[in-house]
Amino acid sequence: MGLQEPSLVMPRACSVLFPVVHRAGMGDKLMVLFQNLPKGKRFRDVCVYNSAISGLASCRRYDDAWKV
């Protein structure tokens, strides 16, 4: 058994955080947050991707939304 670092970031928290960041008008920060999500399987959730795409599209960052 190897030691694993516990992650304080949960997929549900990201689904809530992305719209909050969008409402604050920080679309560039939203993209940075999305790119730095852990690569684990549980973060490949439709809710996480949907909230990121919706937040980016609402900030009129259509190219970044398409990348997601």
Protein backbone atom coordinates (compact mmCIF):
# COMPACT_ATOMS: atom_id res chain seq x y z
CA MET A 1 0.00 0.00 0.00
CA GLY A 2 1.31 3.39 -0.95
CA LEU A 3 0.51 6.66 0.66
CA GLN A 4 -1.75 8.98 -1.25
CA GLU A 5 -2.17 12.68 -0.72
CA PRO A 6 -5.76 13.47 0.20
CA SER A 7 -7.49 15.87 -2.15
CA LEU A 8 -9.52 18.66 -0.61
CA VAL A 9 -11.24 19.31 -3.92
CA MET A 10 -14.40 17.35 -4.61
CA PRO A 11 -16.30 17.19 -7.93
CA ARG A 12 -19.43 18.62 -6.32
CA ALA A 13 -17.44 21.58 -5.00
CA CYS A 14 -16.21 22.32 -8.52
CA SER A 15 -19.76 22.21 -9.86
CA VAL A 16 -20.68 24.90 -7.35
CA LEU A 17 -17.46 26.90 -7.61
CA PHE A 18 -17.45 27.39 -11.40
CA PRO A 19 -20.76 29.34 -11.53
CA VAL A 20 -19.63 31.48 -8.59
CA VAL A 21 -16.38 32.35 -10.37
CA HIS A 22 -18.38 33.16 -13.52
CA ARG A 23 -20.70 35.51 -11.62
CA ALA A 24 -17.65 37.31 -10.27
CA GLY A 25 -16.60 37.95 -13.88
CA MET A 26 -13.40 35.94 -13.69
CA GLY A 27 -13.60 33.73 -16.76
CA ASP A 28 -9.83 33.53 -17.02
CA LYS A 29 -9.61 32.17 -13.46
CA LEU A 30 -12.32 29.63 -14.24
CA MET A 31 -10.24 28.20 -17.08
CA VAL A 32 -7.17 28.00 -14.81
CA LEU A 33 -9.19 26.17 -12.17
CA PHE A 34 -10.54 23.73 -14.73
CA GLN A 35 -7.11 22.98 -16.18
CA ASN A 36 -5.70 22.31 -12.70
CA LEU A 37 -8.35 19.81 -11.63
CA PRO A 38 -7.01 16.43 -10.53
CA LYS A 39 -6.85 13.91 -13.37
CA GLY A 40 -8.78 11.28 -11.39
CA LYS A 41 -11.72 9.41 -12.82
CA ARG A 42 -14.20 10.97 -10.44
CA PHE A 43 -13.55 14.43 -11.91
CA ARG A 44 -14.64 13.24 -15.35
CA ASP A 45 -18.20 14.00 -14.38
CA VAL A 46 -20.78 15.57 -16.64
CA CYS A 47 -21.76 18.08 -13.94
CA VAL A 48 -18.20 19.38 -13.63
CA TYR A 49 -17.82 19.79 -17.39
CA ASN A 50 -21.29 21.29 -17.79
CA SER A 51 -20.73 23.92 -15.11
CA ALA A 52 -17.34 24.84 -16.60
CA ILE A 53 -18.78 25.16 -20.12
CA SER A 54 -21.78 27.18 -18.89
CA GLY A 55 -19.59 29.53 -16.89
CA LEU A 56 -17.19 30.11 -19.76
CA ALA A 57 -19.99 30.64 -22.26
CA SER A 58 -21.68 33.14 -19.94
CA CYS A 59 -18.40 35.08 -19.74
CA ARG A 60 -18.38 35.10 -23.57
CA ARG A 61 -15.24 32.96 -23.66
CA TYR A 62 -16.57 30.70 -26.38
CA ASP A 63 -13.17 29.44 -27.56
CA ASP A 64 -12.30 28.25 -24.06
CA ALA A 65 -15.74 26.67 -23.66
CA TRP A 66 -15.16 24.77 -26.89
CA LYS A 67 -11.77 23.54 -25.59
CA VAL A 68 -13.43 22.10 -22.49
